[in-house]
Amino acid sequence: MTHRKIKDGAGRAWDVWEVYPSAVEQRMSGEHPSVPPGDAPRGRREVRILVPTALQQGWLAFQSGVDRRRLAPIPVNWIDLGEEELINLLGRADRLTETDAK
């Protein structure tokens, strides 16, 4: 997994990385509403996560303490961007609320 660290204009440090949902992440992340239990095969109690279409190809994650944001789709060659360009992407990223994280 590619990872960067940046500082915003206020001096806050941010971790930045790319996320690609895999079958396991889609089942276990708890990030999106699950498929109703009645839809699971008989005898199996598996929680499946529905990943929104906009996130199925992955997203760029930003985190500073409890402040979390994500930007989709992942910008091409984001790893080669300068810090100022990454800060601009941070400004465009969607802020995640506590509800989004469940």
Protein backbone atom coordinates (compact mmCIF):
# COMPACT_ATOMS: atom_id res chain seq x y z
CA MET A 1 0.00 0.00 0.00
CA THR A 2 1.36 3.41 -0.99
CA HIS A 3 1.39 5.96 1.85
CA ARG A 4 2.26 9.65 2.15
CA LYS A 5 2.38 12.18 4.99
CA ILE A 6 1.51 15.83 4.41
CA LYS A 7 0.88 18.96 6.49
CA ASP A 8 -2.01 21.28 5.71
CA GLY A 9 -1.92 25.09 5.91
CA ALA A 10 -2.73 24.94 9.63
CA GLY A 11 0.22 22.62 10.27
CA ARG A 12 -1.92 19.52 10.85
CA ALA A 13 -0.25 16.27 9.80
CA TRP A 14 -2.28 14.00 7.49
CA ASP A 15 -1.70 10.42 6.44
CA VAL A 16 -2.73 9.74 2.84
CA TRP A 17 -3.14 6.31 1.24
CA GLU A 18 -5.15 4.49 -1.39
CA VAL A 19 -7.88 2.01 -0.53
CA TYR A 20 -9.18 -0.73 -2.81
CA PRO A 21 -12.19 -2.66 -1.52
CA SER A 22 -11.58 -6.40 -1.60
CA ALA A 23 -14.11 -9.13 -0.95
CA VAL A 24 -13.00 -9.30 2.70
CA GLU A 25 -13.15 -5.54 3.23
CA GLN A 26 -16.57 -5.41 1.63
CA ARG A 27 -17.84 -8.00 4.12
CA MET A 28 -16.14 -6.79 7.27
CA SER A 29 -15.57 -3.03 7.17
CA GLY A 30 -18.97 -2.06 8.50
CA GLU A 31 -18.59 1.11 6.45
CA HIS A 32 -21.78 0.66 4.41
CA PRO A 33 -25.22 -0.86 5.03
CA SER A 34 -25.18 -4.63 4.97
CA VAL A 35 -27.33 -6.96 2.92
CA PRO A 36 -30.35 -8.08 4.98
CA PRO A 37 -29.72 -11.38 6.82
CA GLY A 38 -32.60 -13.08 4.98
CA ASP A 39 -30.62 -12.75 1.73
CA ALA A 40 -27.71 -14.86 3.06
CA PRO A 41 -27.51 -18.53 2.06
CA ARG A 42 -29.18 -20.88 4.56
CA GLY A 43 -27.00 -21.70 7.53
CA ARG A 44 -24.52 -18.89 6.84
CA ARG A 45 -24.51 -15.72 8.87
CA GLU A 46 -22.25 -13.54 6.80
CA VAL A 47 -22.53 -9.77 6.72
CA ARG A 48 -21.99 -8.42 3.24
CA ILE A 49 -21.27 -4.78 2.68
CA LEU A 50 -22.67 -2.93 -0.31
CA VAL A 51 -19.90 -0.70 -1.65
CA PRO A 52 -21.35 2.32 -3.47
CA THR A 53 -20.59 2.42 -7.19
CA ALA A 54 -18.47 5.56 -6.79
CA LEU A 55 -16.13 3.70 -4.40
CA GLN A 56 -15.86 0.32 -6.13
CA GLN A 57 -12.63 1.28 -7.93
CA GLY A 58 -11.10 2.57 -4.72
CA TRP A 59 -10.52 5.91 -3.04
CA LEU A 60 -7.80 8.09 -1.61
CA ALA A 61 -8.02 8.17 2.20
CA PHE A 62 -6.90 11.12 4.33
CA GLN A 63 -6.64 10.94 8.12
CA SER A 64 -5.51 13.37 10.79
CA GLY A 65 -6.43 12.11 14.26
CA VAL A 66 -10.18 11.45 14.21
CA ASP A 67 -10.70 13.60 11.09
CA ARG A 68 -11.12 11.25 8.14
CA ARG A 69 -11.81 12.07 4.50
CA ARG A 70 -11.96 10.21 1.22
CA LEU A 71 -11.71 11.15 -2.43
CA ALA A 72 -12.91 8.97 -5.30
CA PRO A 73 -11.80 8.11 -7.82
CA ILE A 74 -8.11 7.86 -6.97
CA PRO A 75 -6.27 10.54 -8.98
CA VAL A 76 -3.80 9.13 -11.49
CA ASN A 77 -0.19 9.39 -10.26
CA TRP A 78 -1.28 10.93 -6.95
CA ILE A 79 1.86 9.55 -5.33
CA ASP A 80 3.98 11.84 -7.53
CA LEU A 81 2.02 15.01 -6.71
CA GLY A 82 3.58 17.76 -4.63
CA GLU A 83 2.36 18.50 -1.11
CA GLU A 84 0.37 21.55 -2.25
CA GLU A 85 -1.46 19.47 -4.87
CA LEU A 86 -2.28 16.83 -2.25
CA ILE A 87 -3.59 19.54 0.08
CA ASN A 88 -5.86 20.69 -2.77
CA LEU A 89 -7.15 17.09 -3.09
CA LEU A 90 -7.72 17.05 0.68
CA GLY A 91 -9.90 20.14 0.27
CA ARG A 92 -12.02 18.29 -2.33
CA ALA A 93 -12.31 15.09 -0.29
CA ASP A 94 -15.54 14.14 1.47
CA ARG A 95 -15.39 14.38 5.24
CA LEU A 96 -16.49 11.17 6.96
CA THR A 97 -18.81 11.46 9.92
CA GLU A 98 -19.10 8.98 12.77
CA THR A 99 -22.16 7.56 10.97
CA ASP A 100 -20.10 6.98 7.79
CA ALA A 101 -17.51 5.04 9.77
CA LYS A 102 -20.05 2.51 11.12
